[in-house]
Amino acid sequence: WMGRVRNWIETRFSVMVRSLGLHRIEVRSYWGLVARVNLILLVHN
């Protein structure tokens, strides 16, 4: 059962990539990157 539970996080990654744009972040500064990642995690939650 641990394998099935661990695979949940792969589903969450799929949502963040396909729907929330985690794979195509375009930023020019490190803190801009942090803001975009935090925004994506907020929207996911």
All heavy atoms as atom14 arrays in JSON, in Angstrom:
{
  "sequence": "WMGRVRNWIETRFSVMVRSLGLHRIEVRSYWGLVARVNLILLVHN",
  "atom14_mask": [
    [1, 1, 1, 1, 1, 1, 1, 1, 1, 1, 1, 1, 1, 1],
    [1, 1, 1, 1, 1, 1, 1, 1, 0, 0, 0, 0, 0, 0],
    [1, 1, 1, 1, 0, 0, 0, 0, 0, 0, 0, 0, 0, 0],
    [1, 1, 1, 1, 1, 1, 1, 1, 1, 1, 1, 0, 0, 0],
    [1, 1, 1, 1, 1, 1, 1, 0, 0, 0, 0, 0, 0, 0],
    [1, 1, 1, 1, 1, 1, 1, 1, 1, 1, 1, 0, 0, 0],
    [1, 1, 1, 1, 1, 1, 1, 1, 0, 0, 0, 0, 0, 0],
    [1, 1, 1, 1, 1, 1, 1, 1, 1, 1, 1, 1, 1, 1],
    [1, 1, 1, 1, 1, 1, 1, 1, 0, 0, 0, 0, 0, 0],
    [1, 1, 1, 1, 1, 1, 1, 1, 1, 0, 0, 0, 0, 0],
    [1, 1, 1, 1, 1, 1, 1, 0, 0, 0, 0, 0, 0, 0],
    [1, 1, 1, 1, 1, 1, 1, 1, 1, 1, 1, 0, 0, 0],
    [1, 1, 1, 1, 1, 1, 1, 1, 1, 1, 1, 0, 0, 0],
    [1, 1, 1, 1, 1, 1, 0, 0, 0, 0, 0, 0, 0, 0],
    [1, 1, 1, 1, 1, 1, 1, 0, 0, 0, 0, 0, 0, 0],
    [1, 1, 1, 1, 1, 1, 1, 1, 0, 0, 0, 0, 0, 0],
    [1, 1, 1, 1, 1, 1, 1, 0, 0, 0, 0, 0, 0, 0],
    [1, 1, 1, 1, 1, 1, 1, 1, 1, 1, 1, 0, 0, 0],
    [1, 1, 1, 1, 1, 1, 0, 0, 0, 0, 0, 0, 0, 0],
    [1, 1, 1, 1, 1, 1, 1, 1, 0, 0, 0, 0, 0, 0],
    [1, 1, 1, 1, 0, 0, 0, 0, 0, 0, 0, 0, 0, 0],
    [1, 1, 1, 1, 1, 1, 1, 1, 0, 0, 0, 0, 0, 0],
    [1, 1, 1, 1, 1, 1, 1, 1, 1, 1, 0, 0, 0, 0],
    [1, 1, 1, 1, 1, 1, 1, 1, 1, 1, 1, 0, 0, 0],
    [1, 1, 1, 1, 1, 1, 1, 1, 0, 0, 0, 0, 0, 0],
    [1, 1, 1, 1, 1, 1, 1, 1, 1, 0, 0, 0, 0, 0],
    [1, 1, 1, 1, 1, 1, 1, 0, 0, 0, 0, 0, 0, 0],
    [1, 1, 1, 1, 1, 1, 1, 1, 1, 1, 1, 0, 0, 0],
    [1, 1, 1, 1, 1, 1, 0, 0, 0, 0, 0, 0, 0, 0],
    [1, 1, 1, 1, 1, 1, 1, 1, 1, 1, 1, 1, 0, 0],
    [1, 1, 1, 1, 1, 1, 1, 1, 1, 1, 1, 1, 1, 1],
    [1, 1, 1, 1, 0, 0, 0, 0, 0, 0, 0, 0, 0, 0],
    [1, 1, 1, 1, 1, 1, 1, 1, 0, 0, 0, 0, 0, 0],
    [1, 1, 1, 1, 1, 1, 1, 0, 0, 0, 0, 0, 0, 0],
    [1, 1, 1, 1, 1, 0, 0, 0, 0, 0, 0, 0, 0, 0],
    [1, 1, 1, 1, 1, 1, 1, 1, 1, 1, 1, 0, 0, 0],
    [1, 1, 1, 1, 1, 1, 1, 0, 0, 0, 0, 0, 0, 0],
    [1, 1, 1, 1, 1, 1, 1, 1, 0, 0, 0, 0, 0, 0],
    [1, 1, 1, 1, 1, 1, 1, 1, 0, 0, 0, 0, 0, 0],
    [1, 1, 1, 1, 1, 1, 1, 1, 0, 0, 0, 0, 0, 0],
    [1, 1, 1, 1, 1, 1, 1, 1, 0, 0, 0, 0, 0, 0],
    [1, 1, 1, 1, 1, 1, 1, 1, 0, 0, 0, 0, 0, 0],
    [1, 1, 1, 1, 1, 1, 1, 0, 0, 0, 0, 0, 0, 0],
    [1, 1, 1, 1, 1, 1, 1, 1, 1, 1, 0, 0, 0, 0],
    [1, 1, 1, 1, 1, 1, 1, 1, 0, 0, 0, 0, 0, 0]
  ],
  "atom14_positions": [
    [[0.81, -1.21, 0.0], [0.0, 0.0, 0.0], [0.85, 1.26, 0.0], [0.4, 2.32, -0.46], [-0.93, 0.01, 1.21], [-0.22, 0.06, 2.54], [0.12, -1.01, 3.31], [0.2, 1.22, 3.25], [0.74, -0.59, 4.47], [0.81, 0.79, 4.46], [0.14, 2.58, 2.99], [1.35, 1.66, 5.38], [0.69, 3.47, 3.92], [1.28, 2.99, 5.1]],
    [[2.1, 1.16, 0.47], [2.96, 2.33, 0.48], [3.29, 2.81, -0.92], [3.41, 4.01, -1.18], [4.25, 2.03, 1.24], [4.06, 1.77, 2.72], [5.62, 1.43, 3.55], [5.05, 1.17, 5.23], [0.0, 0.0, 0.0], [0.0, 0.0, 0.0], [0.0, 0.0, 0.0], [0.0, 0.0, 0.0], [0.0, 0.0, 0.0], [0.0, 0.0, 0.0]],
    [[3.44, 1.86, -1.86], [3.71, 2.25, -3.23], [2.58, 3.05, -3.85], [2.82, 4.03, -4.56], [0.0, 0.0, 0.0], [0.0, 0.0, 0.0], [0.0, 0.0, 0.0], [0.0, 0.0, 0.0], [0.0, 0.0, 0.0], [0.0, 0.0, 0.0], [0.0, 0.0, 0.0], [0.0, 0.0, 0.0], [0.0, 0.0, 0.0], [0.0, 0.0, 0.0]],
    [[1.36, 2.65, -3.56], [0.21, 3.39, -4.09], [0.12, 4.79, -3.49], [-0.19, 5.76, -4.19], [-1.07, 2.61, -3.82], [-1.16, 1.28, -4.57], [-2.53, 0.66, -4.45], [-2.82, 0.26, -3.08], [-2.51, -0.92, -2.57], [-1.87, -1.82, -3.31], [-2.83, -1.23, -1.33], [0.0, 0.0, 0.0], [0.0, 0.0, 0.0], [0.0, 0.0, 0.0]],
    [[0.4, 4.9, -2.19], [0.35, 6.22, -1.54], [1.47, 7.1, -2.06], [1.28, 8.3, -2.31], [0.43, 6.05, -0.01], [0.56, 7.41, 0.66], [-0.8, 5.32, 0.51], [0.0, 0.0, 0.0], [0.0, 0.0, 0.0], [0.0, 0.0, 0.0], [0.0, 0.0, 0.0], [0.0, 0.0, 0.0], [0.0, 0.0, 0.0], [0.0, 0.0, 0.0]],
    [[2.66, 6.53, -2.24], [3.78, 7.34, -2.72], [3.52, 7.88, -4.13], [3.95, 8.98, -4.49], [5.07, 6.52, -2.72], [6.35, 7.38, -2.68], [7.48, 6.75, -3.42], [7.27, 6.74, -4.85], [7.5, 7.8, -5.65], [7.93, 8.93, -5.14], [7.29, 7.72, -6.95], [0.0, 0.0, 0.0], [0.0, 0.0, 0.0], [0.0, 0.0, 0.0]],
    [[2.78, 7.13, -4.94], [2.48, 7.58, -6.3], [1.52, 8.77, -6.33], [1.37, 9.4, -7.38], [1.89, 6.43, -7.11], [2.94, 5.4, -7.5], [4.14, 5.7, -7.5], [2.51, 4.2, -7.82], [0.0, 0.0, 0.0], [0.0, 0.0, 0.0], [0.0, 0.0, 0.0], [0.0, 0.0, 0.0], [0.0, 0.0, 0.0], [0.0, 0.0, 0.0]],
    [[0.88, 9.07, -5.21], [0.01, 10.24, -5.18], [0.78, 11.51, -5.58], [0.23, 12.38, -6.25], [-0.59, 10.43, -3.79], [-1.6, 9.4, -3.4], [-2.14, 8.42, -4.19], [-2.19, 9.24, -2.11], [-3.04, 7.67, -3.49], [-3.08, 8.14, -2.19], [-2.05, 9.89, -0.89], [-3.84, 7.7, -1.1], [-2.8, 9.46, 0.2], [-3.68, 8.38, 0.08]],
    [[2.01, 11.62, -5.12], [2.77, 12.84, -5.39], [3.07, 12.99, -6.87], [3.19, 14.1, -7.38], [4.06, 12.89, -4.53], [4.59, 14.33, -4.46], [5.12, 11.93, -5.08], [5.7, 14.51, -3.44], [0.0, 0.0, 0.0], [0.0, 0.0, 0.0], [0.0, 0.0, 0.0], [0.0, 0.0, 0.0], [0.0, 0.0, 0.0], [0.0, 0.0, 0.0]],
    [[3.18, 11.88, -7.6], [3.38, 11.95, -9.03], [2.14, 12.54, -9.71], [2.25, 13.3, -10.69], [3.68, 10.56, -9.61], [4.88, 9.87, -8.99], [6.2, 10.58, -9.3], [6.2, 11.43, -10.23], [7.2, 10.29, -8.63], [0.0, 0.0, 0.0], [0.0, 0.0, 0.0], [0.0, 0.0, 0.0], [0.0, 0.0, 0.0], [0.0, 0.0, 0.0]],
    [[0.96, 12.21, -9.2], [-0.27, 12.8, -9.73], [-0.3, 14.29, -9.49], [-0.7, 15.08, -10.36], [-1.5, 12.14, -9.08], [-1.46, 10.74, -9.31], [-2.79, 12.7, -9.65], [0.0, 0.0, 0.0], [0.0, 0.0, 0.0], [0.0, 0.0, 0.0], [0.0, 0.0, 0.0], [0.0, 0.0, 0.0], [0.0, 0.0, 0.0], [0.0, 0.0, 0.0]],
    [[0.12, 14.72, -8.29], [0.15, 16.15, -7.99], [1.14, 16.88, -8.89], [0.89, 18.0, -9.34], [0.53, 16.4, -6.52], [-0.17, 15.61, -5.46], [-1.65, 15.51, -5.46], [-2.42, 16.59, -6.06], [-3.56, 16.39, -6.67], [-4.03, 15.18, -6.81], [-4.23, 17.4, -7.17], [0.0, 0.0, 0.0], [0.0, 0.0, 0.0], [0.0, 0.0, 0.0]],
    [[2.3, 16.26, -9.15], [3.26, 16.86, -10.07], [2.66, 17.01, -11.47], [2.89, 18.01, -12.15], [4.53, 16.0, -10.15], [5.42, 16.11, -8.94], [6.37, 15.13, -8.68], [5.34, 17.18, -8.08], [7.21, 15.23, -7.58], [6.16, 17.29, -6.96], [7.1, 16.3, -6.72], [0.0, 0.0, 0.0], [0.0, 0.0, 0.0], [0.0, 0.0, 0.0]],
    [[1.92, 16.0, -11.89], [1.3, 16.06, -13.22], [0.34, 17.23, -13.33], [0.29, 17.92, -14.35], [0.56, 14.74, -13.5], [-0.09, 14.79, -14.74], [0.0, 0.0, 0.0], [0.0, 0.0, 0.0], [0.0, 0.0, 0.0], [0.0, 0.0, 0.0], [0.0, 0.0, 0.0], [0.0, 0.0, 0.0], [0.0, 0.0, 0.0], [0.0, 0.0, 0.0]],
    [[-0.43, 17.47, -12.27], [-1.35, 18.61, -12.26], [-0.58, 19.92, -12.36], [-0.94, 20.82, -13.13], [-2.23, 18.59, -11.0], [-3.0, 19.89, -10.83], [-3.2, 17.41, -11.04], [0.0, 0.0, 0.0], [0.0, 0.0, 0.0], [0.0, 0.0, 0.0], [0.0, 0.0, 0.0], [0.0, 0.0, 0.0], [0.0, 0.0, 0.0], [0.0, 0.0, 0.0]],
    [[0.49, 20.06, -11.59], [1.25, 21.31, -11.59], [1.96, 21.55, -12.91], [2.17, 22.69, -13.31], [2.25, 21.31, -10.43], [1.6, 21.42, -9.07], [2.74, 21.84, -7.75], [3.71, 20.35, -7.65], [0.0, 0.0, 0.0], [0.0, 0.0, 0.0], [0.0, 0.0, 0.0], [0.0, 0.0, 0.0], [0.0, 0.0, 0.0], [0.0, 0.0, 0.0]],
    [[2.34, 20.48, -13.61], [3.01, 20.64, -14.9], [2.01, 20.91, -16.0], [2.13, 21.88, -16.76], [3.86, 19.39, -15.22], [4.31, 19.4, -16.67], [5.08, 19.33, -14.3], [0.0, 0.0, 0.0], [0.0, 0.0, 0.0], [0.0, 0.0, 0.0], [0.0, 0.0, 0.0], [0.0, 0.0, 0.0], [0.0, 0.0, 0.0], [0.0, 0.0, 0.0]],
    [[0.98, 20.08, -16.12], [0.06, 20.19, -17.24], [-0.89, 21.38, -17.12], [-1.26, 21.99, -18.13], [-0.77, 18.91, -17.38], [0.04, 17.69, -17.79], [-0.89, 16.53, -18.14], [-1.7, 16.16, -17.0], [-2.79, 15.4, -17.09], [-3.21, 15.0, -18.27], [-3.47, 15.07, -16.01], [0.0, 0.0, 0.0], [0.0, 0.0, 0.0], [0.0, 0.0, 0.0]],
    [[-1.29, 21.73, -15.91], [-2.3, 22.76, -15.74], [-1.75, 24.07, -15.17], [-2.27, 25.14, -15.46], [-3.41, 22.27, -14.81], [-4.1, 21.21, -15.41], [0.0, 0.0, 0.0], [0.0, 0.0, 0.0], [0.0, 0.0, 0.0], [0.0, 0.0, 0.0], [0.0, 0.0, 0.0], [0.0, 0.0, 0.0], [0.0, 0.0, 0.0], [0.0, 0.0, 0.0]],
    [[-0.72, 23.99, -14.34], [-0.26, 25.18, -13.63], [1.04, 25.74, -14.16], [1.55, 26.72, -13.62], [-0.14, 24.87, -12.14], [-1.35, 24.21, -11.48], [-1.16, 24.07, -9.99], [-2.62, 25.0, -11.78], [0.0, 0.0, 0.0], [0.0, 0.0, 0.0], [0.0, 0.0, 0.0], [0.0, 0.0, 0.0], [0.0, 0.0, 0.0], [0.0, 0.0, 0.0]],
    [[1.62, 25.12, -15.17], [2.78, 25.71, -15.82], [4.09, 25.59, -15.09], [4.99, 26.41, -15.3], [0.0, 0.0, 0.0], [0.0, 0.0, 0.0], [0.0, 0.0, 0.0], [0.0, 0.0, 0.0], [0.0, 0.0, 0.0], [0.0, 0.0, 0.0], [0.0, 0.0, 0.0], [0.0, 0.0, 0.0], [0.0, 0.0, 0.0], [0.0, 0.0, 0.0]],
    [[4.26, 24.58, -14.25], [5.52, 24.44, -13.52], [6.69, 24.17, -14.46], [7.83, 24.5, -14.14], [5.4, 23.29, -12.51], [6.59, 23.06, -11.58], [6.83, 24.27, -10.67], [6.41, 21.8, -10.74], [0.0, 0.0, 0.0], [0.0, 0.0, 0.0], [0.0, 0.0, 0.0], [0.0, 0.0, 0.0], [0.0, 0.0, 0.0], [0.0, 0.0, 0.0]],
    [[6.43, 23.6, -15.63], [7.49, 23.23, -16.56], [7.92, 24.39, -17.46], [8.89, 24.27, -18.21], [7.03, 22.08, -17.45], [5.88, 22.44, -18.35], [4.67, 22.88, -17.84], [5.76, 22.45, -19.7], [3.86, 23.13, -18.85], [4.49, 22.88, -19.98], [0.0, 0.0, 0.0], [0.0, 0.0, 0.0], [0.0, 0.0, 0.0], [0.0, 0.0, 0.0]],
    [[7.21, 25.51, -17.42], [7.54, 26.6, -18.34], [7.57, 27.95, -17.62], [7.03, 28.95, -18.09], [6.54, 26.63, -19.51], [5.08, 26.71, -19.1], [4.18, 26.77, -20.34], [2.78, 26.86, -19.97], [2.18, 27.98, -19.6], [2.86, 29.09, -19.53], [0.9, 27.97, -19.29], [0.0, 0.0, 0.0], [0.0, 0.0, 0.0], [0.0, 0.0, 0.0]],
    [[8.21, 27.98, -16.49], [8.4, 29.23, -15.76], [9.47, 30.05, -16.46], [10.57, 29.56, -16.73], [8.8, 28.95, -14.3], [7.66, 28.26, -13.56], [9.17, 30.25, -13.59], [7.98, 27.93, -12.12], [0.0, 0.0, 0.0], [0.0, 0.0, 0.0], [0.0, 0.0, 0.0], [0.0, 0.0, 0.0], [0.0, 0.0, 0.0], [0.0, 0.0, 0.0]],
    [[9.16, 31.31, -16.76], [10.11, 32.22, -17.39], [10.34, 33.4, -16.45], [9.46, 34.23, -16.26], [9.59, 32.69, -18.74], [9.42, 31.56, -19.76], [8.89, 32.06, -21.08], [8.64, 33.28, -21.19], [8.73, 31.24, -21.99], [0.0, 0.0, 0.0], [0.0, 0.0, 0.0], [0.0, 0.0, 0.0], [0.0, 0.0, 0.0], [0.0, 0.0, 0.0]],
    [[11.52, 33.45, -15.86], [11.84, 34.51, -14.9], [13.25, 35.02, -15.18], [14.06, 34.36, -15.84], [11.75, 33.99, -13.44], [10.33, 33.65, -13.07], [12.65, 32.78, -13.24], [0.0, 0.0, 0.0], [0.0, 0.0, 0.0], [0.0, 0.0, 0.0], [0.0, 0.0, 0.0], [0.0, 0.0, 0.0], [0.0, 0.0, 0.0], [0.0, 0.0, 0.0]],
    [[13.54, 36.2, -14.65], [14.86, 36.81, -14.81], [15.6, 36.96, -13.49], [16.73, 37.44, -13.48], [14.72, 38.18, -15.47], [14.16, 38.13, -16.89], [14.14, 39.5, -17.52], [13.62, 39.46, -18.89], [13.51, 40.53, -19.67], [13.87, 41.72, -19.21], [13.03, 40.4, -20.89], [0.0, 0.0, 0.0], [0.0, 0.0, 0.0], [0.0, 0.0, 0.0]],
    [[14.96, 36.6, -12.4], [15.61, 36.72, -11.1], [15.24, 35.52, -10.24], [14.22, 34.86, -10.46], [15.19, 38.01, -10.39], [13.82, 37.96, -10.01], [0.0, 0.0, 0.0], [0.0, 0.0, 0.0], [0.0, 0.0, 0.0], [0.0, 0.0, 0.0], [0.0, 0.0, 0.0], [0.0, 0.0, 0.0], [0.0, 0.0, 0.0], [0.0, 0.0, 0.0]],
    [[16.09, 35.25, -9.24], [15.84, 34.12, -8.36], [14.56, 34.32, -7.55], [13.75, 33.39, -7.4], [17.03, 33.92, -7.42], [16.79, 32.85, -6.39], [16.86, 31.5, -6.71], [16.48, 33.18, -5.07], [16.62, 30.52, -5.78], [16.25, 32.21, -4.12], [16.32, 30.88, -4.48], [16.09, 29.9, -3.53], [0.0, 0.0, 0.0], [0.0, 0.0, 0.0]],
    [[14.35, 35.53, -7.03], [13.17, 35.76, -6.21], [11.89, 35.8, -7.04], [10.8, 35.5, -6.56], [13.33, 37.04, -5.4], [14.39, 36.91, -4.37], [15.59, 37.54, -4.33], [14.35, 36.03, -3.23], [16.32, 37.12, -3.24], [15.58, 36.2, -2.54], [13.42, 35.13, -2.72], [15.9, 35.5, -1.38], [13.73, 34.42, -1.57], [14.94, 34.62, -0.91]],
    [[12.02, 36.14, -8.32], [10.89, 35.98, -9.21], [10.51, 34.52, -9.39], [9.33, 34.16, -9.43], [0.0, 0.0, 0.0], [0.0, 0.0, 0.0], [0.0, 0.0, 0.0], [0.0, 0.0, 0.0], [0.0, 0.0, 0.0], [0.0, 0.0, 0.0], [0.0, 0.0, 0.0], [0.0, 0.0, 0.0], [0.0, 0.0, 0.0], [0.0, 0.0, 0.0]],
    [[11.53, 33.65, -9.46], [11.29, 32.21, -9.52], [10.6, 31.71, -8.25], [9.63, 30.95, -8.31], [12.6, 31.47, -9.72], [12.55, 29.95, -9.55], [11.86, 29.3, -10.74], [13.94, 29.36, -9.36], [0.0, 0.0, 0.0], [0.0, 0.0, 0.0], [0.0, 0.0, 0.0], [0.0, 0.0, 0.0], [0.0, 0.0, 0.0], [0.0, 0.0, 0.0]],
    [[11.09, 32.15, -7.1], [10.49, 31.74, -5.83], [9.03, 32.16, -5.77], [8.16, 31.38, -5.34], [11.29, 32.33, -4.65], [10.57, 32.07, -3.32], [12.7, 31.75, -4.6], [0.0, 0.0, 0.0], [0.0, 0.0, 0.0], [0.0, 0.0, 0.0], [0.0, 0.0, 0.0], [0.0, 0.0, 0.0], [0.0, 0.0, 0.0], [0.0, 0.0, 0.0]],
    [[8.73, 33.38, -6.21], [7.35, 33.86, -6.19], [6.46, 33.01, -7.09], [5.33, 32.65, -6.71], [7.3, 35.33, -6.61], [0.0, 0.0, 0.0], [0.0, 0.0, 0.0], [0.0, 0.0, 0.0], [0.0, 0.0, 0.0], [0.0, 0.0, 0.0], [0.0, 0.0, 0.0], [0.0, 0.0, 0.0], [0.0, 0.0, 0.0], [0.0, 0.0, 0.0]],
    [[6.94, 32.66, -8.29], [6.13, 31.86, -9.2], [5.9, 30.45, -8.66], [4.81, 29.89, -8.78], [6.8, 31.79, -10.58], [6.76, 33.09, -11.35], [5.34, 33.48, -11.73], [4.76, 32.52, -12.66], [4.89, 32.57, -13.98], [5.59, 33.55, -14.53], [4.32, 31.66, -14.75], [0.0, 0.0, 0.0], [0.0, 0.0, 0.0], [0.0, 0.0, 0.0]],
    [[6.94, 29.85, -8.08], [6.78, 28.5, -7.51], [5.8, 28.53, -6.34], [4.92, 27.67, -6.22], [8.14, 27.93, -7.08], [7.97, 26.63, -6.3], [9.02, 27.69, -8.31], [0.0, 0.0, 0.0], [0.0, 0.0, 0.0], [0.0, 0.0, 0.0], [0.0, 0.0, 0.0], [0.0, 0.0, 0.0], [0.0, 0.0, 0.0], [0.0, 0.0, 0.0]],
    [[5.95, 29.54, -5.47], [5.02, 29.66, -4.34], [3.59, 29.88, -4.81], [2.63, 29.35, -4.23], [5.45, 30.81, -3.43], [6.72, 30.5, -2.67], [7.19, 29.36, -2.66], [7.3, 31.5, -2.04], [0.0, 0.0, 0.0], [0.0, 0.0, 0.0], [0.0, 0.0, 0.0], [0.0, 0.0, 0.0], [0.0, 0.0, 0.0], [0.0, 0.0, 0.0]],
    [[3.42, 30.65, -5.9], [2.09, 30.87, -6.46], [1.49, 29.57, -6.98], [0.32, 29.28, -6.75], [2.17, 31.91, -7.57], [0.88, 32.19, -8.35], [-0.21, 32.73, -7.43], [1.14, 33.14, -9.5], [0.0, 0.0, 0.0], [0.0, 0.0, 0.0], [0.0, 0.0, 0.0], [0.0, 0.0, 0.0], [0.0, 0.0, 0.0], [0.0, 0.0, 0.0]],
    [[2.29, 28.78, -7.67], [1.8, 27.5, -8.21], [1.41, 26.56, -7.08], [0.37, 25.89, -7.14], [2.87, 26.88, -9.12], [3.0, 27.7, -10.41], [2.53, 25.43, -9.45], [4.14, 27.26, -11.3], [0.0, 0.0, 0.0], [0.0, 0.0, 0.0], [0.0, 0.0, 0.0], [0.0, 0.0, 0.0], [0.0, 0.0, 0.0], [0.0, 0.0, 0.0]],
    [[2.21, 26.5, -6.02], [1.88, 25.64, -4.89], [0.61, 26.13, -4.18], [-0.21, 25.32, -3.72], [3.05, 25.58, -3.92], [4.27, 24.8, -4.43], [5.48, 25.08, -3.57], [3.99, 23.31, -4.48], [0.0, 0.0, 0.0], [0.0, 0.0, 0.0], [0.0, 0.0, 0.0], [0.0, 0.0, 0.0], [0.0, 0.0, 0.0], [0.0, 0.0, 0.0]],
    [[0.46, 27.45, -4.07], [-0.76, 28.0, -3.48], [-1.99, 27.61, -4.29], [-3.0, 27.17, -3.74], [-0.64, 29.53, -3.38], [-1.94, 30.29, -3.08], [-2.5, 29.87, -1.73], [-1.7, 31.79, -3.13], [0.0, 0.0, 0.0], [0.0, 0.0, 0.0], [0.0, 0.0, 0.0], [0.0, 0.0, 0.0], [0.0, 0.0, 0.0], [0.0, 0.0, 0.0]],
    [[-1.89, 27.76, -5.62], [-3.03, 27.44, -6.47], [-3.34, 25.94, -6.4], [-4.5, 25.53, -6.37], [-2.75, 27.88, -7.92], [-3.86, 27.4, -8.85], [-2.63, 29.39, -7.99], [0.0, 0.0, 0.0], [0.0, 0.0, 0.0], [0.0, 0.0, 0.0], [0.0, 0.0, 0.0], [0.0, 0.0, 0.0], [0.0, 0.0, 0.0], [0.0, 0.0, 0.0]],
    [[-2.29, 25.12, -6.38], [-2.51, 23.68, -6.25], [-3.27, 23.36, -4.97], [-4.24, 22.6, -4.97], [-1.18, 22.93, -6.25], [-1.31, 21.49, -5.89], [-1.28, 21.06, -4.58], [-1.52, 20.39, -6.64], [-1.45, 19.75, -4.55], [-1.59, 19.32, -5.77], [0.0, 0.0, 0.0], [0.0, 0.0, 0.0], [0.0, 0.0, 0.0], [0.0, 0.0, 0.0]],
    [[-2.82, 23.92, -3.85], [-3.5, 23.64, -2.58], [-4.92, 24.2, -2.57], [-5.83, 23.62, -1.96], [-2.7, 24.24, -1.42], [-1.48, 23.41, -1.09], [-1.25, 22.34, -1.66], [-0.67, 23.89, -0.17], [0.0, 0.0, 0.0], [0.0, 0.0, 0.0], [0.0, 0.0, 0.0], [0.0, 0.0, 0.0], [0.0, 0.0, 0.0], [0.0, 0.0, 0.0]]
  ]
}
